[in-house]
Amino acid sequence: MHIFRRPDYQSEITQFIEQLKAEKPNLEARQLAGRALLWDKNVDRSAWAEYRQAQVPQKPYVYLTDNG
């Protein structure tokens, strides 16, 4: 160890998170389950390709009509 080495700094936020994880050991598993529920989905790439092909380009000013 170096003579001038300082103790490792931990911010209050880091200390809070580590304390929270110590109090609730299943917290990370619950976070991953929640993420899987909303975000981790299988994407049907062929459906997305069809969706992109079916899109109609929008005019620069959407309220302008061709009738007038």
C-alpha atoms as a PDB file:
ATOM      1  CA  MET A   1       0.000   0.000   0.000  1.00  0.00           C
ATOM      2  CA  HIS A   2       1.194   3.502  -0.813  1.00  0.00           C
ATOM      3  CA  ILE A   3       2.059   5.938   1.941  1.00  0.00           C
ATOM      4  CA  PHE A   4      -0.177   8.689   0.581  1.00  0.00           C
ATOM      5  CA  ARG A   5      -3.107   6.469  -0.363  1.00  0.00           C
ATOM      6  CA  ARG A   6      -6.471   7.870   0.636  1.00  0.00           C
ATOM      7  CA  PRO A   7      -9.324   5.644   1.720  1.00  0.00           C
ATOM      8  CA  ASP A   8     -11.695   4.798  -1.108  1.00  0.00           C
ATOM      9  CA  TYR A   9     -14.324   7.497  -1.462  1.00  0.00           C
ATOM     10  CA  GLN A  10     -17.987   6.540  -1.614  1.00  0.00           C
ATOM     11  CA  SER A  11     -20.648   9.125  -2.220  1.00  0.00           C
ATOM     12  CA  GLU A  12     -23.787   9.268  -0.120  1.00  0.00           C
ATOM     13  CA  ILE A  13     -25.754   7.857  -3.041  1.00  0.00           C
ATOM     14  CA  THR A  14     -23.436   4.861  -3.360  1.00  0.00           C
ATOM     15  CA  GLN A  15     -23.653   4.239   0.373  1.00  0.00           C
ATOM     16  CA  PHE A  16     -27.454   4.465   0.207  1.00  0.00           C
ATOM     17  CA  ILE A  17     -27.671   1.999  -2.693  1.00  0.00           C
ATOM     18  CA  GLU A  18     -25.354  -0.477  -1.001  1.00  0.00           C
ATOM     19  CA  GLN A  19     -27.342  -0.204   2.231  1.00  0.00           C
ATOM     20  CA  LEU A  20     -30.581  -0.733   0.291  1.00  0.00           C
ATOM     21  CA  LYS A  21     -29.148  -3.818  -1.425  1.00  0.00           C
ATOM     22  CA  ALA A  22     -28.020  -5.193   1.936  1.00  0.00           C
ATOM     23  CA  GLU A  23     -31.498  -4.683   3.416  1.00  0.00           C
ATOM     24  CA  LYS A  24     -33.303  -6.114   0.366  1.00  0.00           C
ATOM     25  CA  PRO A  25     -31.147  -8.805  -1.236  1.00  0.00           C
ATOM     26  CA  ASN A  26     -33.790  -9.658  -3.858  1.00  0.00           C
ATOM     27  CA  LEU A  27     -33.998  -6.069  -5.135  1.00  0.00           C
ATOM     28  CA  GLU A  28     -31.935  -6.627  -8.284  1.00  0.00           C
ATOM     29  CA  ALA A  29     -33.942  -9.729  -9.226  1.00  0.00           C
ATOM     30  CA  ARG A  30     -37.170  -7.733  -8.834  1.00  0.00           C
ATOM     31  CA  GLN A  31     -35.732  -4.937 -10.996  1.00  0.00           C
ATOM     32  CA  LEU A  32     -34.812  -7.408 -13.743  1.00  0.00           C
ATOM     33  CA  ALA A  33     -38.274  -8.995 -13.560  1.00  0.00           C
ATOM     34  CA  GLY A  34     -39.879  -5.555 -13.925  1.00  0.00           C
ATOM     35  CA  ARG A  35     -37.650  -4.710 -16.846  1.00  0.00           C
ATOM     36  CA  ALA A  36     -38.474  -7.998 -18.562  1.00  0.00           C
ATOM     37  CA  LEU A  37     -42.167  -7.291 -18.073  1.00  0.00           C
ATOM     38  CA  LEU A  38     -42.059  -3.972 -19.916  1.00  0.00           C
ATOM     39  CA  TRP A  39     -38.928  -3.739 -22.048  1.00  0.00           C
ATOM     40  CA  ASP A  40     -37.243  -7.032 -22.862  1.00  0.00           C
ATOM     41  CA  LYS A  41     -39.472  -8.201 -25.705  1.00  0.00           C
ATOM     42  CA  ASN A  42     -38.736 -10.220 -28.799  1.00  0.00           C
ATOM     43  CA  VAL A  43     -39.026  -8.015 -31.875  1.00  0.00           C
ATOM     44  CA  ASP A  44     -40.679  -9.335 -35.018  1.00  0.00           C
ATOM     45  CA  ARG A  45     -38.358  -7.777 -37.574  1.00  0.00           C
ATOM     46  CA  SER A  46     -40.468  -8.730 -40.582  1.00  0.00           C
ATOM     47  CA  ALA A  47     -43.502  -6.964 -39.085  1.00  0.00           C
ATOM     48  CA  TRP A  48     -41.388  -3.851 -38.450  1.00  0.00           C
ATOM     49  CA  ALA A  49     -40.115  -3.942 -42.036  1.00  0.00           C
ATOM     50  CA  GLU A  50     -43.690  -4.118 -43.329  1.00  0.00           C
ATOM     51  CA  TYR A  51     -44.673  -1.245 -41.052  1.00  0.00           C
ATOM     52  CA  ARG A  52     -41.849   0.942 -42.347  1.00  0.00           C
ATOM     53  CA  GLN A  53     -42.719   0.166 -45.970  1.00  0.00           C
ATOM     54  CA  ALA A  54     -46.383   1.040 -45.387  1.00  0.00           C
ATOM     55  CA  GLN A  55     -45.656   4.471 -43.939  1.00  0.00           C
ATOM     56  CA  VAL A  56     -46.758   7.437 -46.033  1.00  0.00           C
ATOM     57  CA  PRO A  57     -44.384  10.404 -46.056  1.00  0.00           C
ATOM     58  CA  GLN A  58     -45.775  13.363 -44.148  1.00  0.00           C
ATOM     59  CA  LYS A  59     -46.038  16.751 -45.816  1.00  0.00           C
ATOM     60  CA  PRO A  60     -43.977  19.599 -44.351  1.00  0.00           C
ATOM     61  CA  TYR A  61     -47.119  21.399 -43.234  1.00  0.00           C
ATOM     62  CA  VAL A  62     -49.783  18.866 -42.302  1.00  0.00           C
ATOM     63  CA  TYR A  63     -52.727  21.290 -42.433  1.00  0.00           C
ATOM     64  CA  LEU A  64     -52.078  22.341 -46.031  1.00  0.00           C
ATOM     65  CA  THR A  65     -54.477  20.592 -48.408  1.00  0.00           C
ATOM     66  CA  ASP A  66     -54.130  20.033 -52.134  1.00  0.00           C
ATOM     67  CA  ASN A  67     -57.707  21.153 -52.785  1.00  0.00           C
ATOM     68  CA  GLY A  68     -57.204  24.843 -52.433  1.00  0.00           C
END
